[in-house]
Amino acid sequence: MSKLLQDMWIMSHDGTVLYKRVFEEKLNEQLFGGFMSALETFASQMDDKGLSSFEIGQKKFILKKSQNLFFVANFDKKVNPKKATAELETVASKFFSAYQVELLSFRGNIEPFKNFDKQIQDSLEDVVTKFSQAFW
């Protein structure tokens, strides 16, 4: 499995961010979650399927919706979108497998989800890898 995904957020349908992994902290995670929730609500009014992807600069963002959660990740435009989407689906499956019990009793405490990156290291591009690619 290759490391295709850069930044990632997992959030509830109301925008509460349960897990995040970002290279550069540019924006408050809960603000981003609220924005994504509002954007998805707007997109759902336009089309029943809602939002599935969008682009900002050199990054493409993909969304996966499952069991009242949004999985949002970005990746470099050079990466095949189908491969990135498949990788995000793998991440979602791992999340549901790892946190089935916690999700059933979720009441806003995001602490149990903080170590999820250890389970998906093979999906997330390393900061060191990204940094070295900028120079080579």
N, C-alpha and C. Protein backbone atom coordinates (compact mmCIF):
# COMPACT_ATOMS: atom_id res chain seq x y z
N MET A 1 0.85 -1.17 0.00
CA MET A 1 0.00 0.00 0.00
C MET A 1 0.90 1.23 0.00
N SER A 2 0.62 2.17 -0.88
CA SER A 2 1.46 3.36 -0.92
C SER A 2 0.82 4.51 -0.14
N LYS A 3 1.66 5.44 0.22
CA LYS A 3 1.21 6.57 1.03
C LYS A 3 0.72 7.69 0.11
N LEU A 4 -0.57 7.72 -0.12
CA LEU A 4 -1.15 8.66 -1.07
C LEU A 4 -1.78 9.89 -0.42
N LEU A 5 -2.29 9.72 0.77
CA LEU A 5 -3.06 10.77 1.41
C LEU A 5 -2.16 11.68 2.23
N GLN A 6 -2.45 12.97 2.19
CA GLN A 6 -1.65 13.94 2.93
C GLN A 6 -2.36 14.30 4.24
N ASP A 7 -3.25 15.26 4.20
CA ASP A 7 -3.99 15.65 5.39
C ASP A 7 -5.29 14.85 5.44
N MET A 8 -5.78 14.61 6.67
CA MET A 8 -7.01 13.85 6.81
C MET A 8 -7.80 14.32 8.02
N TRP A 9 -9.11 14.33 7.86
CA TRP A 9 -10.02 14.64 8.96
C TRP A 9 -11.14 13.61 8.95
N ILE A 10 -11.55 13.20 10.14
CA ILE A 10 -12.73 12.35 10.29
C ILE A 10 -13.66 13.12 11.21
N MET A 11 -14.87 13.36 10.74
CA MET A 11 -15.79 14.21 11.50
C MET A 11 -17.20 13.66 11.49
N SER A 12 -17.94 14.05 12.51
CA SER A 12 -19.35 13.66 12.59
C SER A 12 -20.14 14.52 11.60
N HIS A 13 -21.38 14.14 11.35
CA HIS A 13 -22.22 14.88 10.39
C HIS A 13 -22.45 16.32 10.81
N ASP A 14 -22.32 16.62 12.12
CA ASP A 14 -22.51 18.00 12.58
C ASP A 14 -21.21 18.82 12.53
N GLY A 15 -20.11 18.19 12.10
CA GLY A 15 -18.85 18.91 11.94
C GLY A 15 -17.84 18.71 13.06
N THR A 16 -18.17 17.96 14.10
CA THR A 16 -17.21 17.71 15.18
C THR A 16 -16.08 16.82 14.65
N VAL A 17 -14.84 17.31 14.73
CA VAL A 17 -13.70 16.55 14.23
C VAL A 17 -13.28 15.53 15.27
N LEU A 18 -13.38 14.25 14.90
CA LEU A 18 -13.00 13.15 15.80
C LEU A 18 -11.51 12.87 15.71
N TYR A 19 -10.97 13.01 14.52
CA TYR A 19 -9.55 12.72 14.28
C TYR A 19 -9.06 13.64 13.17
N LYS A 20 -7.83 14.09 13.30
CA LYS A 20 -7.21 14.86 12.23
C LYS A 20 -5.74 14.55 12.18
N ARG A 21 -5.19 14.67 11.00
CA ARG A 21 -3.74 14.58 10.81
C ARG A 21 -3.43 15.57 9.69
N VAL A 22 -2.76 16.65 10.01
CA VAL A 22 -2.42 17.67 9.02
C VAL A 22 -0.94 17.99 9.09
N PHE A 23 -0.35 18.31 7.93
CA PHE A 23 1.06 18.69 7.88
C PHE A 23 1.28 20.07 8.50
N GLU A 24 0.51 21.04 8.05
CA GLU A 24 0.66 22.40 8.54
C GLU A 24 -0.67 22.86 9.12
N GLU A 25 -0.64 23.25 10.36
CA GLU A 25 -1.86 23.70 11.04
C GLU A 25 -2.14 25.14 10.59
N LYS A 26 -3.08 25.29 9.65
CA LYS A 26 -3.40 26.61 9.12
C LYS A 26 -4.76 27.10 9.60
N LEU A 27 -5.54 26.18 10.15
CA LEU A 27 -6.91 26.53 10.46
C LEU A 27 -7.41 25.65 11.60
N ASN A 28 -8.24 26.21 12.42
CA ASN A 28 -8.81 25.48 13.54
C ASN A 28 -9.60 24.28 13.03
N GLU A 29 -9.34 23.11 13.62
CA GLU A 29 -9.98 21.88 13.14
C GLU A 29 -11.50 21.91 13.26
N GLN A 30 -12.03 22.48 14.34
CA GLN A 30 -13.48 22.51 14.51
C GLN A 30 -14.13 23.50 13.54
N LEU A 31 -13.40 24.59 13.21
CA LEU A 31 -13.88 25.53 12.20
C LEU A 31 -13.95 24.84 10.84
N PHE A 32 -12.90 24.06 10.52
CA PHE A 32 -12.88 23.30 9.28
C PHE A 32 -14.04 22.30 9.26
N GLY A 33 -14.25 21.60 10.37
CA GLY A 33 -15.34 20.64 10.46
C GLY A 33 -16.70 21.28 10.24
N GLY A 34 -16.92 22.43 10.85
CA GLY A 34 -18.18 23.16 10.66
C GLY A 34 -18.37 23.60 9.21
N PHE A 35 -17.27 24.08 8.62
CA PHE A 35 -17.32 24.49 7.21
C PHE A 35 -17.67 23.31 6.31
N MET A 36 -17.02 22.16 6.53
CA MET A 36 -17.28 20.99 5.70
C MET A 36 -18.72 20.50 5.87
N SER A 37 -19.22 20.55 7.08
CA SER A 37 -20.60 20.15 7.34
C SER A 37 -21.57 21.07 6.59
N ALA A 38 -21.31 22.38 6.65
CA ALA A 38 -22.17 23.33 5.95
C ALA A 38 -22.07 23.15 4.43
N LEU A 39 -20.86 22.92 3.94
CA LEU A 39 -20.66 22.71 2.51
C LEU A 39 -21.39 21.45 2.04
N GLU A 40 -21.32 20.40 2.83
CA GLU A 40 -22.00 19.15 2.50
C GLU A 40 -23.52 19.35 2.52
N THR A 41 -24.03 20.08 3.48
CA THR A 41 -25.47 20.36 3.54
C THR A 41 -25.91 21.12 2.29
N PHE A 42 -25.12 22.12 1.92
CA PHE A 42 -25.42 22.90 0.71
C PHE A 42 -25.38 22.00 -0.53
N ALA A 43 -24.33 21.20 -0.66
CA ALA A 43 -24.18 20.32 -1.83
C ALA A 43 -25.32 19.31 -1.90
N SER A 44 -25.78 18.82 -0.76
CA SER A 44 -26.87 17.85 -0.73
C SER A 44 -28.19 18.46 -1.21
N GLN A 45 -28.33 19.77 -1.03
CA GLN A 45 -29.53 20.46 -1.53
C GLN A 45 -29.49 20.53 -3.06
N MET A 46 -28.28 20.58 -3.62
CA MET A 46 -28.11 20.68 -5.07
C MET A 46 -28.22 19.31 -5.75
N ASP A 47 -27.75 18.28 -5.05
CA ASP A 47 -27.71 16.92 -5.61
C ASP A 47 -27.80 15.94 -4.46
N ASP A 48 -28.57 14.89 -4.60
CA ASP A 48 -28.76 13.91 -3.53
C ASP A 48 -27.47 13.29 -3.03
N LYS A 49 -26.47 13.16 -3.89
CA LYS A 49 -25.21 12.53 -3.51
C LYS A 49 -24.31 13.46 -2.71
N GLY A 50 -24.57 14.75 -2.78
CA GLY A 50 -23.75 15.70 -2.02
C GLY A 50 -22.38 15.90 -2.63
N LEU A 51 -21.47 16.33 -1.83
CA LEU A 51 -20.11 16.65 -2.26
C LEU A 51 -19.23 15.41 -2.22
N SER A 52 -18.43 15.19 -3.26
CA SER A 52 -17.52 14.04 -3.25
C SER A 52 -16.07 14.48 -3.40
N SER A 53 -15.83 15.65 -4.00
CA SER A 53 -14.46 16.14 -4.13
C SER A 53 -14.46 17.63 -4.48
N PHE A 54 -13.33 18.27 -4.24
CA PHE A 54 -13.11 19.64 -4.66
C PHE A 54 -11.61 19.90 -4.67
N GLU A 55 -11.20 20.98 -5.32
CA GLU A 55 -9.78 21.31 -5.45
C GLU A 55 -9.50 22.70 -4.91
N ILE A 56 -8.34 22.82 -4.28
CA ILE A 56 -7.82 24.12 -3.85
C ILE A 56 -6.33 24.11 -4.17
N GLY A 57 -5.91 24.99 -5.04
CA GLY A 57 -4.50 25.04 -5.43
C GLY A 57 -4.05 23.72 -6.02
N GLN A 58 -2.94 23.18 -5.50
CA GLN A 58 -2.39 21.92 -6.01
C GLN A 58 -2.94 20.70 -5.27
N LYS A 59 -3.92 20.90 -4.42
CA LYS A 59 -4.47 19.78 -3.66
C LYS A 59 -5.89 19.48 -4.09
N LYS A 60 -6.16 18.22 -4.12
CA LYS A 60 -7.51 17.76 -4.39
C LYS A 60 -8.02 17.13 -3.10
N PHE A 61 -9.25 17.45 -2.74
CA PHE A 61 -9.89 16.92 -1.54
C PHE A 61 -10.94 15.91 -1.97
N ILE A 62 -11.01 14.81 -1.23
CA ILE A 62 -12.05 13.82 -1.47
C ILE A 62 -12.81 13.59 -0.17
N LEU A 63 -14.07 13.23 -0.31
CA LEU A 63 -14.93 12.98 0.85
C LEU A 63 -15.56 11.60 0.71
N LYS A 64 -15.64 10.92 1.82
CA LYS A 64 -16.39 9.67 1.89
C LYS A 64 -17.36 9.81 3.05
N LYS A 65 -18.62 9.51 2.79
CA LYS A 65 -19.64 9.57 3.83
C LYS A 65 -20.08 8.16 4.18
N SER A 66 -20.05 7.84 5.46
CA SER A 66 -20.46 6.51 5.90
C SER A 66 -20.85 6.56 7.37
N GLN A 67 -21.98 5.95 7.70
CA GLN A 67 -22.45 5.83 9.08
C GLN A 67 -22.41 7.17 9.83
N ASN A 68 -22.94 8.21 9.22
CA ASN A 68 -23.01 9.55 9.80
C ASN A 68 -21.65 10.19 10.08
N LEU A 69 -20.60 9.70 9.41
CA LEU A 69 -19.28 10.31 9.52
C LEU A 69 -18.82 10.75 8.14
N PHE A 70 -18.00 11.82 8.13
CA PHE A 70 -17.34 12.27 6.91
C PHE A 70 -15.86 11.97 7.05
N PHE A 71 -15.30 11.38 6.04
CA PHE A 71 -13.87 11.16 5.95
C PHE A 71 -13.38 12.10 4.85
N VAL A 72 -12.52 13.03 5.20
CA VAL A 72 -12.03 14.02 4.24
C VAL A 72 -10.52 13.90 4.19
N ALA A 73 -9.97 13.83 2.99
CA ALA A 73 -8.52 13.75 2.84
C ALA A 73 -8.11 14.56 1.61
N ASN A 74 -6.87 15.01 1.62
CA ASN A 74 -6.37 15.65 0.42
C ASN A 74 -5.15 14.91 -0.07
N PHE A 75 -4.82 15.15 -1.32
CA PHE A 75 -3.68 14.50 -1.95
C PHE A 75 -3.22 15.39 -3.10
N ASP A 76 -2.02 15.17 -3.55
CA ASP A 76 -1.45 15.93 -4.64
C ASP A 76 -2.20 15.62 -5.93
N LYS A 77 -2.38 16.62 -6.77
CA LYS A 77 -3.11 16.43 -8.03
C LYS A 77 -2.45 15.40 -8.95
N LYS A 78 -1.18 15.11 -8.73
CA LYS A 78 -0.48 14.13 -9.57
C LYS A 78 -0.92 12.70 -9.27
N VAL A 79 -1.52 12.49 -8.10
CA VAL A 79 -1.96 11.16 -7.67
C VAL A 79 -3.28 10.82 -8.38
N ASN A 80 -3.42 9.58 -8.78
CA ASN A 80 -4.64 9.09 -9.40
C ASN A 80 -5.79 9.18 -8.39
N PRO A 81 -6.85 9.93 -8.72
CA PRO A 81 -7.98 10.10 -7.78
C PRO A 81 -8.65 8.79 -7.37
N LYS A 82 -8.70 7.81 -8.28
CA LYS A 82 -9.32 6.52 -7.94
C LYS A 82 -8.51 5.79 -6.88
N LYS A 83 -7.18 5.88 -6.98
CA LYS A 83 -6.33 5.25 -5.98
C LYS A 83 -6.47 5.95 -4.63
N ALA A 84 -6.53 7.28 -4.64
CA ALA A 84 -6.70 8.03 -3.39
C ALA A 84 -8.05 7.71 -2.75
N THR A 85 -9.09 7.61 -3.56
CA THR A 85 -10.43 7.28 -3.05
C THR A 85 -10.44 5.88 -2.45
N ALA A 86 -9.80 4.93 -3.11
CA ALA A 86 -9.72 3.57 -2.59
C ALA A 86 -8.96 3.56 -1.26
N GLU A 87 -7.91 4.36 -1.17
CA GLU A 87 -7.13 4.45 0.08
C GLU A 87 -7.99 5.03 1.20
N LEU A 88 -8.79 6.05 0.88
CA LEU A 88 -9.67 6.64 1.90
C LEU A 88 -10.72 5.64 2.35
N GLU A 89 -11.20 4.83 1.46
CA GLU A 89 -12.17 3.79 1.83
C GLU A 89 -11.53 2.77 2.77
N THR A 90 -10.27 2.43 2.52
CA THR A 90 -9.54 1.52 3.40
C THR A 90 -9.40 2.13 4.79
N VAL A 91 -9.07 3.41 4.84
CA VAL A 91 -8.94 4.12 6.12
C VAL A 91 -10.27 4.09 6.87
N ALA A 92 -11.36 4.36 6.17
CA ALA A 92 -12.69 4.36 6.80
C ALA A 92 -13.00 2.98 7.39
N SER A 93 -12.69 1.94 6.66
CA SER A 93 -12.93 0.57 7.16
C SER A 93 -12.12 0.31 8.43
N LYS A 94 -10.86 0.72 8.42
CA LYS A 94 -10.02 0.54 9.61
C LYS A 94 -10.56 1.32 10.80
N PHE A 95 -11.06 2.52 10.55
CA PHE A 95 -11.61 3.35 11.63
C PHE A 95 -12.82 2.68 12.26
N PHE A 96 -13.74 2.21 11.42
CA PHE A 96 -14.95 1.55 11.94
C PHE A 96 -14.60 0.26 12.67
N SER A 97 -13.62 -0.48 12.19
CA SER A 97 -13.20 -1.71 12.87
C SER A 97 -12.58 -1.41 14.22
N ALA A 98 -11.73 -0.39 14.27
CA ALA A 98 -11.00 -0.07 15.49
C ALA A 98 -11.88 0.58 16.56
N TYR A 99 -12.88 1.35 16.14
CA TYR A 99 -13.63 2.17 17.10
C TYR A 99 -15.13 1.89 17.10
N GLN A 100 -15.52 0.70 16.76
CA GLN A 100 -16.94 0.35 16.73
C GLN A 100 -17.63 0.63 18.07
N VAL A 101 -17.03 0.19 19.15
CA VAL A 101 -17.62 0.37 20.49
C VAL A 101 -17.67 1.85 20.86
N GLU A 102 -16.57 2.58 20.62
CA GLU A 102 -16.51 4.01 20.97
C GLU A 102 -17.53 4.82 20.18
N LEU A 103 -17.75 4.45 18.93
CA LEU A 103 -18.71 5.19 18.11
C LEU A 103 -20.15 4.96 18.57
N LEU A 104 -20.44 3.77 19.06
CA LEU A 104 -21.79 3.49 19.56
C LEU A 104 -22.14 4.33 20.78
N SER A 105 -21.12 4.64 21.59
CA SER A 105 -21.37 5.41 22.81
C SER A 105 -20.81 6.84 22.72
N PHE A 106 -20.54 7.33 21.50
CA PHE A 106 -19.93 8.65 21.33
C PHE A 106 -20.85 9.76 21.82
N ARG A 107 -20.30 10.59 22.71
CA ARG A 107 -21.03 11.74 23.26
C ARG A 107 -20.19 13.01 23.20
N GLY A 108 -19.23 13.05 22.29
CA GLY A 108 -18.43 14.27 22.13
C GLY A 108 -16.98 14.14 22.57
N ASN A 109 -16.63 13.07 23.27
CA ASN A 109 -15.25 12.89 23.71
C ASN A 109 -14.42 12.32 22.56
N ILE A 110 -13.46 13.11 22.04
CA ILE A 110 -12.67 12.68 20.90
C ILE A 110 -11.35 12.01 21.31
N GLU A 111 -11.07 11.97 22.59
CA GLU A 111 -9.82 11.41 23.10
C GLU A 111 -9.53 9.98 22.61
N PRO A 112 -10.52 9.08 22.56
CA PRO A 112 -10.22 7.70 22.14
C PRO A 112 -9.68 7.58 20.71
N PHE A 113 -9.91 8.59 19.87
CA PHE A 113 -9.55 8.50 18.46
C PHE A 113 -8.16 9.08 18.14
N LYS A 114 -7.51 9.67 19.11
CA LYS A 114 -6.25 10.39 18.87
C LYS A 114 -5.11 9.53 18.33
N ASN A 115 -5.08 8.25 18.64
CA ASN A 115 -3.98 7.39 18.20
C ASN A 115 -4.27 6.63 16.92
N PHE A 116 -5.29 7.04 16.20
CA PHE A 116 -5.66 6.34 14.98
C PHE A 116 -4.54 6.36 13.93
N ASP A 117 -3.70 7.39 13.94
CA ASP A 117 -2.64 7.47 12.93
C ASP A 117 -1.69 6.28 12.99
N LYS A 118 -1.56 5.65 14.15
CA LYS A 118 -0.70 4.47 14.26
C LYS A 118 -1.24 3.31 13.42
N GLN A 119 -2.55 3.28 13.22
CA GLN A 119 -3.17 2.20 12.46
C GLN A 119 -3.21 2.46 10.96
N ILE A 120 -2.94 3.70 10.57
CA ILE A 120 -3.04 4.04 9.14
C ILE A 120 -1.75 4.66 8.60
N GLN A 121 -0.63 4.38 9.23
CA GLN A 121 0.64 4.96 8.78
C GLN A 121 0.94 4.62 7.32
N ASP A 122 0.50 3.46 6.88
CA ASP A 122 0.78 3.06 5.50
C ASP A 122 -0.07 3.81 4.48
N SER A 123 -1.04 4.60 4.93
CA SER A 123 -1.89 5.37 4.03
C SER A 123 -1.50 6.84 3.96
N LEU A 124 -0.82 7.34 4.99
CA LEU A 124 -0.53 8.76 5.10
C LEU A 124 0.89 9.09 4.68
N GLU A 125 1.01 10.07 3.79
CA GLU A 125 2.33 10.52 3.37
C GLU A 125 3.06 11.11 4.56
N ASP A 126 4.34 10.79 4.69
CA ASP A 126 5.15 11.31 5.80
C ASP A 126 5.57 12.75 5.53
N VAL A 127 5.69 13.52 6.59
CA VAL A 127 6.18 14.89 6.47
C VAL A 127 7.59 14.87 5.89
N VAL A 128 8.44 13.93 6.33
CA VAL A 128 9.81 13.83 5.83
C VAL A 128 9.82 13.53 4.34
N THR A 129 8.94 12.63 3.89
CA THR A 129 8.85 12.29 2.47
C THR A 129 8.44 13.51 1.67
N LYS A 130 7.45 14.23 2.14
CA LYS A 130 6.98 15.42 1.44
C LYS A 130 8.09 16.46 1.38
N PHE A 131 8.81 16.64 2.47
CA PHE A 131 9.88 17.61 2.54
C PHE A 131 11.01 17.24 1.56
N SER A 132 11.39 15.99 1.53
CA SER A 132 12.48 15.56 0.65
C SER A 132 12.08 15.67 -0.82
N GLN A 133 10.82 15.42 -1.14
CA GLN A 133 10.35 15.54 -2.52
C GLN A 133 10.43 16.98 -3.02
N ALA A 134 10.32 17.92 -2.13
CA ALA A 134 10.40 19.32 -2.51
C ALA A 134 11.80 19.68 -2.97
N PHE A 135 12.80 18.92 -2.52
CA PHE A 135 14.18 19.22 -2.86
C PHE A 135 14.76 18.32 -3.93
N TRP A 136 14.14 17.20 -4.23
CA TRP A 136 14.72 16.28 -5.22
C TRP A 136 13.97 16.33 -6.50
